[in-house]
Amino acid sequence: MEASKEEQRGVVRFLTAEGVEAQEIHRRMSAVSGVSCSRVLEWHKRFRKGCVSLQGNARPGQAHRAVIAEVDGLIRESRRITVEELRRLVGISHGYVHVIATKHLHYKKKKNLTAMVSTSVNGGTKTKWLLH
């Protein structure tokens, strides 16, 4: 049974609190799961310094899961929602909405006027999102 990252970090936090050294933690954990020595050392060091969270730090350049879930929920609520409406509702840039919808959620833009998927509004195009 493969443990989640949070479960592995919980084991490291517990054993660190008991005073077990990082190498011993890695030895014990590698017998059960494929956790790397560098990860164990990194988390052992964090927990010794007083970190209590089992979550990793947010990394720049990665879409935040809550924002992705919010965009997905809004698109599923209304397939006719536009990128501009999503941008205003979520409070993120037009480009970021597009990246989330296409790269993370795998939606495709449809510009098929015969199917009434895309309509022209005020000289611009309102694009509807559909699952591929």
C-alpha atoms as a PDB file:
ATOM      1  CA  MET A   1       0.000   0.000   0.000  1.00  0.00           C
ATOM      2  CA  GLU A   2       1.504   3.331  -1.105  1.00  0.00           C
ATOM      3  CA  ALA A   3       1.125   6.139   1.442  1.00  0.00           C
ATOM      4  CA  SER A   4       0.192   9.659   0.351  1.00  0.00           C
ATOM      5  CA  LYS A   5       2.736  12.456   0.652  1.00  0.00           C
ATOM      6  CA  GLU A   6       0.885  13.851   3.657  1.00  0.00           C
ATOM      7  CA  GLU A   7       0.943  10.455   5.384  1.00  0.00           C
ATOM      8  CA  GLN A   8       4.676  10.102   4.728  1.00  0.00           C
ATOM      9  CA  ARG A   9       5.279  13.601   6.087  1.00  0.00           C
ATOM     10  CA  GLY A  10       3.185  12.716   9.132  1.00  0.00           C
ATOM     11  CA  VAL A  11       5.455   9.745   9.844  1.00  0.00           C
ATOM     12  CA  VAL A  12       8.541  11.962   9.467  1.00  0.00           C
ATOM     13  CA  ARG A  13       7.000  14.588  11.776  1.00  0.00           C
ATOM     14  CA  PHE A  14       6.121  11.977  14.412  1.00  0.00           C
ATOM     15  CA  LEU A  15       9.516  10.285  14.366  1.00  0.00           C
ATOM     16  CA  THR A  16      11.305  13.657  14.358  1.00  0.00           C
ATOM     17  CA  ALA A  17       9.329  14.638  17.456  1.00  0.00           C
ATOM     18  CA  GLU A  18      10.498  11.407  19.100  1.00  0.00           C
ATOM     19  CA  GLY A  19      14.115  12.388  18.378  1.00  0.00           C
ATOM     20  CA  VAL A  20      14.794   9.826  15.652  1.00  0.00           C
ATOM     21  CA  GLU A  21      17.539  10.884  13.211  1.00  0.00           C
ATOM     22  CA  ALA A  22      16.738  11.470   9.525  1.00  0.00           C
ATOM     23  CA  GLN A  23      18.836   8.540   8.271  1.00  0.00           C
ATOM     24  CA  GLU A  24      17.025   6.146  10.601  1.00  0.00           C
ATOM     25  CA  ILE A  25      13.645   7.546   9.504  1.00  0.00           C
ATOM     26  CA  HIS A  26      14.616   7.012   5.866  1.00  0.00           C
ATOM     27  CA  ARG A  27      15.812   3.471   6.570  1.00  0.00           C
ATOM     28  CA  ARG A  28      12.531   2.616   8.277  1.00  0.00           C
ATOM     29  CA  MET A  29      10.339   4.285   5.657  1.00  0.00           C
ATOM     30  CA  SER A  30      12.187   2.918   2.619  1.00  0.00           C
ATOM     31  CA  ALA A  31      11.389  -0.594   3.829  1.00  0.00           C
ATOM     32  CA  VAL A  32       7.697   0.243   3.377  1.00  0.00           C
ATOM     33  CA  SER A  33       7.563   2.933   0.684  1.00  0.00           C
ATOM     34  CA  GLY A  34       9.807   4.411  -1.982  1.00  0.00           C
ATOM     35  CA  VAL A  35      10.432   7.737  -0.275  1.00  0.00           C
ATOM     36  CA  SER A  36      13.744   9.347  -1.211  1.00  0.00           C
ATOM     37  CA  CYS A  37      16.434  10.142   1.322  1.00  0.00           C
ATOM     38  CA  SER A  38      16.543  13.798   0.218  1.00  0.00           C
ATOM     39  CA  ARG A  39      12.801  14.193   0.918  1.00  0.00           C
ATOM     40  CA  VAL A  40      13.124  12.674   4.362  1.00  0.00           C
ATOM     41  CA  LEU A  41      16.093  14.946   5.137  1.00  0.00           C
ATOM     42  CA  GLU A  42      14.181  18.010   3.872  1.00  0.00           C
ATOM     43  CA  TRP A  43      11.083  17.285   5.969  1.00  0.00           C
ATOM     44  CA  HIS A  44      13.099  16.221   9.023  1.00  0.00           C
ATOM     45  CA  LYS A  45      14.885  19.584   8.891  1.00  0.00           C
ATOM     46  CA  ARG A  46      11.589  21.503   8.504  1.00  0.00           C
ATOM     47  CA  PHE A  47       9.963  19.713  11.429  1.00  0.00           C
ATOM     48  CA  ARG A  48      13.035  20.249  13.637  1.00  0.00           C
ATOM     49  CA  LYS A  49      12.771  23.983  12.886  1.00  0.00           C
ATOM     50  CA  GLY A  50       9.157  24.000  14.101  1.00  0.00           C
ATOM     51  CA  CYS A  51       7.110  23.487  10.951  1.00  0.00           C
ATOM     52  CA  VAL A  52       3.859  21.679  11.777  1.00  0.00           C
ATOM     53  CA  SER A  53       2.059  21.618   8.417  1.00  0.00           C
ATOM     54  CA  LEU A  54       2.013  18.415   6.399  1.00  0.00           C
ATOM     55  CA  GLN A  55       1.345  20.414   3.218  1.00  0.00           C
ATOM     56  CA  GLY A  56       4.184  21.431   0.924  1.00  0.00           C
ATOM     57  CA  ASN A  57       4.895  25.069   0.167  1.00  0.00           C
ATOM     58  CA  ALA A  58       3.060  26.586  -2.785  1.00  0.00           C
ATOM     59  CA  ARG A  59       5.458  26.745  -5.700  1.00  0.00           C
ATOM     60  CA  PRO A  60       5.475  29.667  -8.124  1.00  0.00           C
ATOM     61  CA  GLY A  61       4.207  28.845 -11.580  1.00  0.00           C
ATOM     62  CA  GLN A  62       1.781  26.187 -10.440  1.00  0.00           C
ATOM     63  CA  ALA A  63      -1.952  26.709 -10.564  1.00  0.00           C
ATOM     64  CA  HIS A  64      -3.441  26.616  -7.113  1.00  0.00           C
ATOM     65  CA  ARG A  65      -5.833  23.673  -6.692  1.00  0.00           C
ATOM     66  CA  ALA A  66      -8.592  25.788  -5.156  1.00  0.00           C
ATOM     67  CA  VAL A  67      -8.553  28.187  -8.107  1.00  0.00           C
ATOM     68  CA  ILE A  68      -8.645  25.288 -10.573  1.00  0.00           C
ATOM     69  CA  ALA A  69     -11.584  23.738  -8.700  1.00  0.00           C
ATOM     70  CA  GLU A  70     -13.386  27.088  -8.654  1.00  0.00           C
ATOM     71  CA  VAL A  71     -12.914  27.613 -12.404  1.00  0.00           C
ATOM     72  CA  ASP A  72     -14.046  24.036 -13.089  1.00  0.00           C
ATOM     73  CA  GLY A  73     -17.139  24.496 -10.928  1.00  0.00           C
ATOM     74  CA  LEU A  74     -18.098  27.721 -12.674  1.00  0.00           C
ATOM     75  CA  ILE A  75     -17.649  26.169 -16.125  1.00  0.00           C
ATOM     76  CA  ARG A  76     -19.704  23.112 -15.156  1.00  0.00           C
ATOM     77  CA  GLU A  77     -22.397  25.382 -13.704  1.00  0.00           C
ATOM     78  CA  SER A  78     -22.698  27.339 -16.925  1.00  0.00           C
ATOM     79  CA  ARG A  79     -21.165  26.041 -20.146  1.00  0.00           C
ATOM     80  CA  ARG A  80     -21.903  29.455 -21.666  1.00  0.00           C
ATOM     81  CA  ILE A  81     -19.607  31.324 -19.289  1.00  0.00           C
ATOM     82  CA  THR A  82     -16.903  33.323 -21.027  1.00  0.00           C
ATOM     83  CA  VAL A  83     -13.230  33.700 -20.205  1.00  0.00           C
ATOM     84  CA  GLU A  84     -13.888  37.334 -19.325  1.00  0.00           C
ATOM     85  CA  GLU A  85     -16.685  36.379 -16.911  1.00  0.00           C
ATOM     86  CA  LEU A  86     -14.449  33.760 -15.298  1.00  0.00           C
ATOM     87  CA  ARG A  87     -11.652  36.330 -15.016  1.00  0.00           C
ATOM     88  CA  ARG A  88     -13.917  38.753 -13.166  1.00  0.00           C
ATOM     89  CA  LEU A  89     -15.538  36.120 -10.920  1.00  0.00           C
ATOM     90  CA  VAL A  90     -12.319  34.379  -9.856  1.00  0.00           C
ATOM     91  CA  GLY A  91     -10.097  37.467  -9.865  1.00  0.00           C
ATOM     92  CA  ILE A  92      -7.323  36.111 -12.071  1.00  0.00           C
ATOM     93  CA  SER A  93      -5.949  37.125 -15.447  1.00  0.00           C
ATOM     94  CA  HIS A  94      -7.493  36.230 -18.792  1.00  0.00           C
ATOM     95  CA  GLY A  95      -4.419  34.168 -19.695  1.00  0.00           C
ATOM     96  CA  TYR A  96      -4.465  32.272 -16.405  1.00  0.00           C
ATOM     97  CA  VAL A  97      -8.148  31.376 -16.921  1.00  0.00           C
ATOM     98  CA  HIS A  98      -7.243  30.060 -20.375  1.00  0.00           C
ATOM     99  CA  VAL A  99      -4.307  27.992 -19.028  1.00  0.00           C
ATOM    100  CA  ILE A 100      -6.467  26.478 -16.284  1.00  0.00           C
ATOM    101  CA  ALA A 101      -9.332  25.645 -18.667  1.00  0.00           C
ATOM    102  CA  THR A 102      -7.172  24.173 -21.427  1.00  0.00           C
ATOM    103  CA  LYS A 103      -4.067  22.741 -19.760  1.00  0.00           C
ATOM    104  CA  HIS A 104      -5.365  21.675 -16.348  1.00  0.00           C
ATOM    105  CA  LEU A 105      -9.035  20.898 -17.008  1.00  0.00           C
ATOM    106  CA  HIS A 106      -8.624  19.857 -20.668  1.00  0.00           C
ATOM    107  CA  TYR A 107     -11.523  21.924 -21.974  1.00  0.00           C
ATOM    108  CA  LYS A 108     -11.518  22.914 -25.621  1.00  0.00           C
ATOM    109  CA  LYS A 109     -12.809  26.134 -27.095  1.00  0.00           C
ATOM    110  CA  LYS A 110     -15.474  25.613 -29.718  1.00  0.00           C
ATOM    111  CA  LYS A 111     -16.048  28.328 -32.315  1.00  0.00           C
ATOM    112  CA  ASN A 112     -18.809  26.627 -34.254  1.00  0.00           C
ATOM    113  CA  LEU A 113     -21.413  29.277 -35.123  1.00  0.00           C
ATOM    114  CA  THR A 114     -23.810  26.723 -36.598  1.00  0.00           C
ATOM    115  CA  ALA A 115     -23.988  24.938 -33.254  1.00  0.00           C
ATOM    116  CA  MET A 116     -24.499  28.288 -31.471  1.00  0.00           C
ATOM    117  CA  VAL A 117     -21.487  27.613 -29.300  1.00  0.00           C
ATOM    118  CA  SER A 118     -19.783  30.921 -29.977  1.00  0.00           C
ATOM    119  CA  THR A 119     -21.541  34.240 -30.526  1.00  0.00           C
ATOM    120  CA  SER A 120     -20.315  37.685 -31.440  1.00  0.00           C
ATOM    121  CA  VAL A 121     -20.947  40.336 -28.792  1.00  0.00           C
ATOM    122  CA  ASN A 122     -19.964  44.011 -29.192  1.00  0.00           C
ATOM    123  CA  GLY A 123     -17.516  43.182 -31.971  1.00  0.00           C
ATOM    124  CA  GLY A 124     -15.785  40.501 -29.876  1.00  0.00           C
ATOM    125  CA  THR A 125     -16.291  36.780 -29.645  1.00  0.00           C
ATOM    126  CA  LYS A 126     -17.729  35.046 -26.607  1.00  0.00           C
ATOM    127  CA  THR A 127     -16.259  31.556 -26.494  1.00  0.00           C
ATOM    128  CA  LYS A 128     -18.103  28.742 -24.750  1.00  0.00           C
ATOM    129  CA  TRP A 129     -16.235  25.900 -23.071  1.00  0.00           C
ATOM    130  CA  LEU A 130     -16.985  22.266 -23.791  1.00  0.00           C
ATOM    131  CA  LEU A 131     -15.338  19.088 -22.590  1.00  0.00           C
ATOM    132  CA  HIS A 132     -13.491  17.259 -25.339  1.00  0.00           C
END
